[in-house]
Amino acid sequence: MTAGAPLVAVRDLSVVFPVEGGVVRAVDFIGYDIAAKRTLGVVGESGSGKSVAALALLRLVAPPGRIAAGSIRLGDLDLLALDEEAMRRVRGARIAMIFQEPMTALNPVFTVGEQIAEVLRLHRGLGERAALDEAVGMLERVGIPAPAARARDYPHQLSGGMRQRAMIAIALAGRPELLIADEPTTALDVTIQAQILDLMLELQDALGMAVLFISHNLAVVSEVADDIMVMYAGRIVERAPADALIARPLHPYTQGLIAAVPRLAARDGDGGALRAIPGNVPNPLALPPGCRFSDRCPLADDGCRAAEPTLVDVGGGRQVACFKARP
């Protein structure tokens, strides 16, 4: 990889799903970079395309869905040009993923230790005994007590927090360059959620990984991300350094997401009522003309409904797709 080049470079990525009545463009010509040791947070409502975009990096889009256009590079490697055997060597070794629900992602008929050991045998060439010993070490590293005993447990014998830690251990066993975390704390209570986020940041610092962190929760993303990318109806509508985006969001959709974040009640008040974004994400088979957010946007006018805004640089490392946005 050349000096200064991003670890991950996605250009004009498009993912489509043929359905009755037409074709859904779940991801519609998006592009982004992630540098080594940096975290890119991706936020948006359900149906925005954020998880599909992540699965495309691993070429795990479920048929009949397919990657219809674009390029995905990991360092100097063109992932879309690899055959399936070569891609299998990338998955788990150079790119790993923590899935949304560990109880469905973990195999119920193998012990947790066996599942970690499998990654170590396949991607790091360890023998069976060495892989099992290393699996215990990985469980200890992610903060699971009595790791030797827990390695012999099946997923249903672990608590939700322990299962999530086990998933992280599996993902990190191959020492990946890129870790994709898809809603890794959604099913956990706030105390365990904070522990998992702290663990991920600690391991990222120790291993030097890039992280793609996906969530519908902007408050969680703001805690871990260096940069944030906001998606809506398959497109990127805003991208900025995390601090700048939280302090001064430019796109009306981002503004709505931040306004909807719950706040603790003030000492002398109720903290204010939650502000919901009116309406719903549009039907992907019947997108509104012009800006895809126009039907829900308080600033939309005839110009917004006539043409779709493109993502443009507005300075300070920020990009926004909105005719009304002011830097």
Protein backbone atom coordinates (compact mmCIF):
# COMPACT_ATOMS: atom_id res chain seq x y z
CA MET A 1 0.00 0.00 0.00
CA THR A 2 1.44 3.38 -0.97
CA ALA A 3 2.20 5.97 1.69
CA GLY A 4 -0.83 7.96 2.66
CA ALA A 5 -3.27 5.68 0.81
CA PRO A 6 -6.42 4.64 2.69
CA LEU A 7 -6.63 1.07 3.97
CA VAL A 8 -10.17 0.75 2.58
CA ALA A 9 -11.30 2.59 -0.56
CA VAL A 10 -14.88 2.18 -1.81
CA ARG A 11 -15.91 3.89 -5.04
CA ASP A 12 -19.36 4.10 -6.69
CA LEU A 13 -20.60 0.99 -4.90
CA SER A 14 -24.08 -0.13 -5.92
CA VAL A 15 -25.94 -3.19 -4.56
CA VAL A 16 -29.26 -4.26 -6.08
CA PHE A 17 -31.96 -6.79 -5.19
CA PRO A 18 -34.47 -7.98 -7.80
CA VAL A 19 -37.92 -8.12 -6.20
CA GLU A 20 -41.46 -8.49 -7.40
CA GLY A 21 -42.33 -5.19 -9.03
CA GLY A 22 -38.81 -4.08 -9.91
CA VAL A 23 -35.26 -3.76 -8.61
CA VAL A 24 -34.33 -2.33 -5.21
CA ARG A 25 -31.08 -0.37 -5.24
CA ALA A 26 -30.26 -0.90 -1.56
CA VAL A 27 -26.89 0.83 -1.91
CA ASP A 28 -26.79 3.48 -4.60
CA PHE A 29 -23.35 4.55 -5.83
CA ILE A 30 -21.64 5.37 -2.54
CA GLY A 31 -17.96 5.92 -1.87
CA TYR A 32 -15.76 6.38 1.19
CA ASP A 33 -12.29 5.74 2.62
CA ILE A 34 -11.12 4.37 5.96
CA ALA A 35 -7.55 4.88 7.09
CA ALA A 36 -5.65 2.40 9.25
CA LYS A 37 -6.31 2.85 12.99
CA ARG A 38 -9.39 5.03 12.28
CA THR A 39 -13.05 4.36 12.97
CA LEU A 40 -15.76 5.30 10.50
CA GLY A 41 -19.23 5.33 12.03
CA VAL A 42 -22.19 4.68 9.75
CA VAL A 43 -25.65 5.73 10.93
CA GLY A 44 -29.14 5.72 9.50
CA GLU A 45 -32.59 4.28 10.01
CA SER A 46 -33.43 0.67 9.22
CA GLY A 47 -33.51 0.30 5.46
CA SER A 48 -30.89 2.98 4.81
CA GLY A 49 -28.45 0.46 3.32
CA LYS A 50 -25.75 0.59 5.97
CA SER A 51 -25.60 -3.16 6.72
CA VAL A 52 -25.84 -4.14 3.04
CA ALA A 53 -22.93 -1.80 2.27
CA ALA A 54 -20.87 -3.54 4.96
CA LEU A 55 -21.73 -7.04 3.73
CA ALA A 56 -20.60 -5.96 0.26
CA LEU A 57 -17.06 -5.47 1.64
CA LEU A 58 -17.01 -9.18 2.46
CA ARG A 59 -18.91 -10.09 -0.73
CA LEU A 60 -21.61 -11.66 1.41
CA VAL A 61 -24.62 -10.04 -0.25
CA ALA A 62 -27.27 -12.77 -0.25
CA PRO A 63 -28.52 -13.88 -3.69
CA PRO A 64 -30.43 -12.79 -5.66
CA GLY A 65 -28.85 -9.55 -4.47
CA ARG A 66 -25.60 -8.62 -6.16
CA ILE A 67 -22.96 -5.93 -6.36
CA ALA A 68 -23.95 -4.18 -9.56
CA ALA A 69 -21.22 -1.56 -9.83
CA GLY A 70 -18.24 0.00 -8.15
CA SER A 71 -14.88 -0.98 -6.71
CA ILE A 72 -13.71 -2.08 -3.26
CA ARG A 73 -10.03 -2.03 -2.42
CA LEU A 74 -8.28 -3.25 0.71
CA GLY A 75 -4.80 -1.81 0.46
CA ASP A 76 -3.59 -2.85 -2.99
CA LEU A 77 -6.10 -5.72 -3.20
CA ASP A 78 -9.11 -5.39 -5.53
CA LEU A 79 -11.73 -7.38 -3.63
CA LEU A 80 -14.23 -7.54 -6.49
CA ALA A 81 -11.62 -9.09 -8.79
CA LEU A 82 -10.87 -12.04 -6.48
CA ASP A 83 -12.24 -15.51 -7.09
CA GLU A 84 -14.26 -17.09 -4.28
CA GLU A 85 -11.34 -19.14 -2.93
CA ALA A 86 -9.15 -16.04 -2.64
CA MET A 87 -12.02 -14.12 -1.04
CA ARG A 88 -12.42 -16.82 1.60
CA ARG A 89 -8.81 -16.23 2.58
CA VAL A 90 -9.60 -12.55 3.10
CA ARG A 91 -12.68 -13.14 5.26
CA GLY A 92 -11.70 -13.63 8.88
CA ALA A 93 -8.03 -12.94 8.19
CA ARG A 94 -7.85 -9.43 6.72
CA ILE A 95 -11.50 -8.39 7.23
CA ALA A 96 -13.61 -9.66 10.12
CA MET A 97 -17.17 -8.86 11.17
CA ILE A 98 -19.09 -8.75 14.43
CA PHE A 99 -22.70 -9.47 13.51
CA GLN A 100 -25.79 -7.91 15.07
CA GLU A 101 -27.04 -10.89 17.07
CA PRO A 102 -24.41 -13.24 18.51
CA MET A 103 -26.93 -15.96 19.36
CA THR A 104 -27.70 -16.44 15.67
CA ALA A 105 -24.14 -15.78 14.46
CA LEU A 106 -22.55 -18.34 16.79
CA ASN A 107 -22.88 -22.04 15.92
CA PRO A 108 -24.98 -23.69 18.66
CA VAL A 109 -23.43 -27.16 18.24
CA PHE A 110 -19.78 -26.17 18.77
CA THR A 111 -18.19 -24.80 21.92
CA VAL A 112 -17.05 -21.21 21.97
CA GLY A 113 -13.42 -22.34 22.17
CA GLU A 114 -13.81 -24.56 19.10
CA GLN A 115 -15.26 -21.68 17.10
CA ILE A 116 -12.35 -19.38 17.95
CA ALA A 117 -9.86 -22.18 17.30
CA GLU A 118 -11.29 -22.74 13.82
CA VAL A 119 -10.31 -19.19 12.82
CA LEU A 120 -6.84 -19.71 14.25
CA ARG A 121 -6.33 -22.95 12.33
CA LEU A 122 -7.66 -21.60 9.02
CA HIS A 123 -6.06 -18.17 8.99
CA ARG A 124 -3.00 -18.42 11.22
CA GLY A 125 -2.02 -22.03 10.57
CA LEU A 126 -2.03 -23.17 14.21
CA GLY A 127 -2.34 -26.82 15.12
CA GLU A 128 -5.36 -28.10 17.03
CA ARG A 129 -3.83 -27.96 20.52
CA ALA A 130 -2.14 -24.59 19.96
CA ALA A 131 -5.35 -23.16 18.50
CA LEU A 132 -7.40 -24.22 21.54
CA ASP A 133 -4.80 -22.76 23.92
CA GLU A 134 -4.79 -19.51 21.95
CA ALA A 135 -8.61 -19.48 21.99
CA VAL A 136 -8.52 -19.46 25.79
CA GLY A 137 -6.07 -16.56 25.62
CA MET A 138 -8.41 -14.66 23.28
CA LEU A 139 -11.33 -15.13 25.70
CA GLU A 140 -9.15 -13.81 28.51
CA ARG A 141 -8.14 -10.84 26.38
CA VAL A 142 -11.75 -9.81 25.78
CA GLY A 143 -12.47 -9.91 29.50
CA ILE A 144 -14.33 -13.20 29.96
CA PRO A 145 -13.73 -14.61 33.48
CA ALA A 146 -12.54 -18.21 33.89
CA PRO A 147 -11.71 -18.36 30.15
CA ALA A 148 -10.58 -22.00 30.17
CA ALA A 149 -13.97 -23.09 31.53
CA ARG A 150 -15.93 -20.73 29.25
CA ALA A 151 -14.06 -22.08 26.21
CA ARG A 152 -15.77 -25.42 26.86
CA ASP A 153 -19.22 -23.83 27.03
CA TYR A 154 -21.76 -23.69 24.21
CA PRO A 155 -23.21 -20.31 23.20
CA HIS A 156 -26.51 -20.87 25.04
CA GLN A 157 -24.57 -21.26 28.29
CA LEU A 158 -23.19 -17.71 28.11
CA SER A 159 -24.89 -14.45 28.99
CA GLY A 160 -25.61 -11.89 26.28
CA GLY A 161 -22.57 -9.81 27.19
CA MET A 162 -20.30 -12.87 27.21
CA ARG A 163 -21.64 -14.01 23.83
CA GLN A 164 -20.85 -10.59 22.38
CA ARG A 165 -17.34 -10.75 23.83
CA ALA A 166 -16.93 -14.23 22.35
CA MET A 167 -17.98 -12.84 18.95
CA ILE A 168 -15.33 -10.14 19.29
CA ALA A 169 -12.75 -12.81 20.17
CA ILE A 170 -13.66 -14.77 17.03
CA ALA A 171 -13.48 -11.63 14.88
CA LEU A 172 -10.07 -10.64 16.26
CA ALA A 173 -8.53 -14.11 16.23
CA GLY A 174 -7.32 -13.67 12.65
CA ARG A 175 -5.76 -10.28 13.49
CA PRO A 176 -7.74 -8.43 10.81
CA GLU A 177 -6.77 -5.13 9.27
CA LEU A 178 -10.43 -4.09 9.13
CA LEU A 179 -13.09 -4.90 11.73
CA ILE A 180 -16.75 -4.42 10.75
CA ALA A 181 -18.99 -4.03 13.79
CA ASP A 182 -22.67 -4.19 12.81
CA GLU A 183 -24.86 -3.00 15.70
CA PRO A 184 -22.54 -4.78 18.19
CA THR A 185 -24.27 -3.43 21.32
CA THR A 186 -27.93 -3.24 20.30
CA ALA A 187 -29.20 -6.14 22.44
CA LEU A 188 -27.14 -5.28 25.53
CA ASP A 189 -28.00 -3.21 28.59
CA VAL A 190 -26.23 0.12 28.93
CA THR A 191 -23.61 -1.09 31.41
CA ILE A 192 -22.50 -4.01 29.23
CA GLN A 193 -22.77 -1.77 26.16
CA ALA A 194 -20.25 0.66 27.64
CA GLN A 195 -17.89 -2.20 28.49
CA ILE A 196 -18.06 -3.58 24.94
CA LEU A 197 -17.37 -0.16 23.41
CA ASP A 198 -14.40 0.39 25.73
CA LEU A 199 -13.10 -3.08 24.85
CA MET A 200 -13.32 -2.43 21.11
CA LEU A 201 -11.43 0.87 21.42
CA GLU A 202 -8.77 -0.76 23.59
CA LEU A 203 -8.24 -3.62 21.14
CA GLN A 204 -8.22 -1.26 18.17
CA ASP A 205 -5.45 0.74 19.81
CA ALA A 206 -3.48 -2.43 20.60
CA LEU A 207 -3.90 -4.06 17.17
CA GLY A 208 -3.96 -0.98 14.92
CA MET A 209 -7.15 -1.99 13.10
CA ALA A 210 -9.44 0.17 11.04
CA VAL A 211 -13.05 -0.13 12.21
CA LEU A 212 -16.34 0.29 10.35
CA PHE A 213 -18.92 0.79 13.11
CA ILE A 214 -22.56 0.54 12.05
CA SER A 215 -25.49 1.66 14.18
CA HIS A 216 -28.85 3.38 14.10
CA ASN A 217 -27.82 5.04 17.39
CA LEU A 218 -25.98 8.29 16.73
CA ALA A 219 -25.15 8.72 20.42
CA VAL A 220 -23.27 5.40 20.48
CA VAL A 221 -21.46 6.13 17.22
CA SER A 222 -20.33 9.53 18.48
CA GLU A 223 -18.52 7.79 21.37
CA VAL A 224 -16.31 5.60 19.17
CA ALA A 225 -16.01 7.13 15.69
CA ASP A 226 -13.37 9.47 14.29
CA ASP A 227 -15.60 10.22 11.30
CA ILE A 228 -19.33 9.70 10.74
CA MET A 229 -21.18 8.87 7.53
CA VAL A 230 -24.96 9.32 7.49
CA MET A 231 -26.97 7.19 5.06
CA TYR A 232 -30.54 7.61 3.88
CA ALA A 233 -32.42 5.47 1.35
CA GLY A 234 -29.22 3.94 -0.01
CA ARG A 235 -27.25 7.16 -0.39
CA ILE A 236 -24.74 9.08 1.72
CA VAL A 237 -26.28 12.40 2.75
CA GLU A 238 -23.52 13.69 5.03
CA ARG A 239 -19.99 12.77 6.05
CA ALA A 240 -17.79 14.67 8.50
CA PRO A 241 -15.36 14.38 11.41
CA ALA A 242 -17.41 13.13 14.36
CA ASP A 243 -16.97 16.18 16.58
CA ALA A 244 -17.91 18.58 13.79
CA LEU A 245 -20.97 16.59 12.74
CA ILE A 246 -22.34 16.33 16.28
CA ALA A 247 -21.65 19.98 17.07
CA ARG A 248 -23.09 21.34 13.82
CA PRO A 249 -24.93 18.92 11.55
CA LEU A 250 -25.57 20.35 8.09
CA HIS A 251 -28.10 18.01 6.52
CA PRO A 252 -31.72 18.25 7.78
CA TYR A 253 -31.82 14.48 8.20
CA THR A 254 -28.71 14.51 10.41
CA GLN A 255 -30.21 17.39 12.37
CA GLY A 256 -33.34 15.31 12.89
CA LEU A 257 -31.36 12.29 14.08
CA ILE A 258 -29.48 14.38 16.64
CA ALA A 259 -32.67 16.09 17.84
CA ALA A 260 -34.21 12.64 18.41
CA VAL A 261 -31.44 11.49 20.78
CA PRO A 262 -32.90 11.16 24.31
CA ARG A 263 -31.42 13.47 26.92
CA LEU A 264 -31.53 13.12 30.68
CA ALA A 265 -33.97 15.43 32.43
CA ALA A 266 -32.46 18.69 33.64
CA ARG A 267 -32.49 19.49 37.34
CA ASP A 268 -35.16 22.13 36.87
CA GLY A 269 -37.08 20.67 33.97
CA ASP A 270 -38.01 17.57 32.02
CA GLY A 271 -35.18 17.77 29.50
CA GLY A 272 -37.56 18.60 26.67
CA ALA A 273 -39.81 16.37 24.60
CA LEU A 274 -38.28 14.06 22.03
CA ARG A 275 -38.50 15.32 18.46
CA ALA A 276 -39.33 12.61 15.95
CA ILE A 277 -38.60 12.87 12.24
CA PRO A 278 -42.02 12.85 10.55
CA GLY A 279 -42.90 10.13 8.05
CA ASN A 280 -40.98 7.01 7.11
CA VAL A 281 -38.09 5.95 4.91
CA PRO A 282 -39.50 5.90 1.36
CA ASN A 283 -40.40 2.72 -0.48
CA PRO A 284 -37.25 1.85 -2.46
CA LEU A 285 -39.44 0.96 -5.45
CA ALA A 286 -41.13 4.36 -5.34
CA LEU A 287 -38.54 6.93 -4.31
CA PRO A 288 -39.72 10.54 -4.37
CA PRO A 289 -38.46 12.72 -7.21
CA GLY A 290 -35.44 14.86 -6.50
CA CYS A 291 -34.02 14.64 -2.98
CA ARG A 292 -34.98 11.35 -1.34
CA PHE A 293 -35.56 13.12 1.99
CA SER A 294 -37.80 15.83 0.50
CA ASP A 295 -41.08 14.26 1.66
CA ARG A 296 -39.90 14.47 5.28
CA CYS A 297 -37.78 17.62 5.18
CA PRO A 298 -39.07 20.90 6.68
CA LEU A 299 -36.85 22.91 4.30
CA ALA A 300 -37.79 21.19 1.03
CA ASP A 301 -39.07 23.32 -1.83
CA ASP A 302 -39.83 22.75 -5.51
CA GLY A 303 -36.13 22.79 -6.38
CA CYS A 304 -35.46 19.97 -3.89
CA ARG A 305 -38.19 17.90 -5.51
CA ALA A 306 -36.95 18.56 -9.03
CA ALA A 307 -33.31 17.44 -8.76
CA GLU A 308 -31.36 15.09 -6.51
CA PRO A 309 -28.45 16.81 -4.70
CA THR A 310 -24.99 15.29 -5.00
CA LEU A 311 -22.46 14.89 -2.22
CA VAL A 312 -20.17 17.94 -2.34
CA ASP A 313 -17.19 19.13 -0.29
CA VAL A 314 -17.98 22.09 1.95
CA GLY A 315 -14.60 22.41 3.67
CA GLY A 316 -13.21 21.11 6.94
CA GLY A 317 -13.25 17.53 5.71
CA ARG A 318 -17.04 17.69 5.40
CA GLN A 319 -19.36 16.58 2.60
CA VAL A 320 -23.11 17.04 2.37
CA ALA A 321 -25.82 16.30 -0.20
CA CYS A 322 -28.34 19.11 0.34
CA PHE A 323 -29.25 22.26 -1.58
CA LYS A 324 -30.14 24.00 1.69
CA ALA A 325 -27.03 23.12 3.70
CA ARG A 326 -24.75 25.98 4.69
CA PRO A 327 -21.19 25.27 5.87
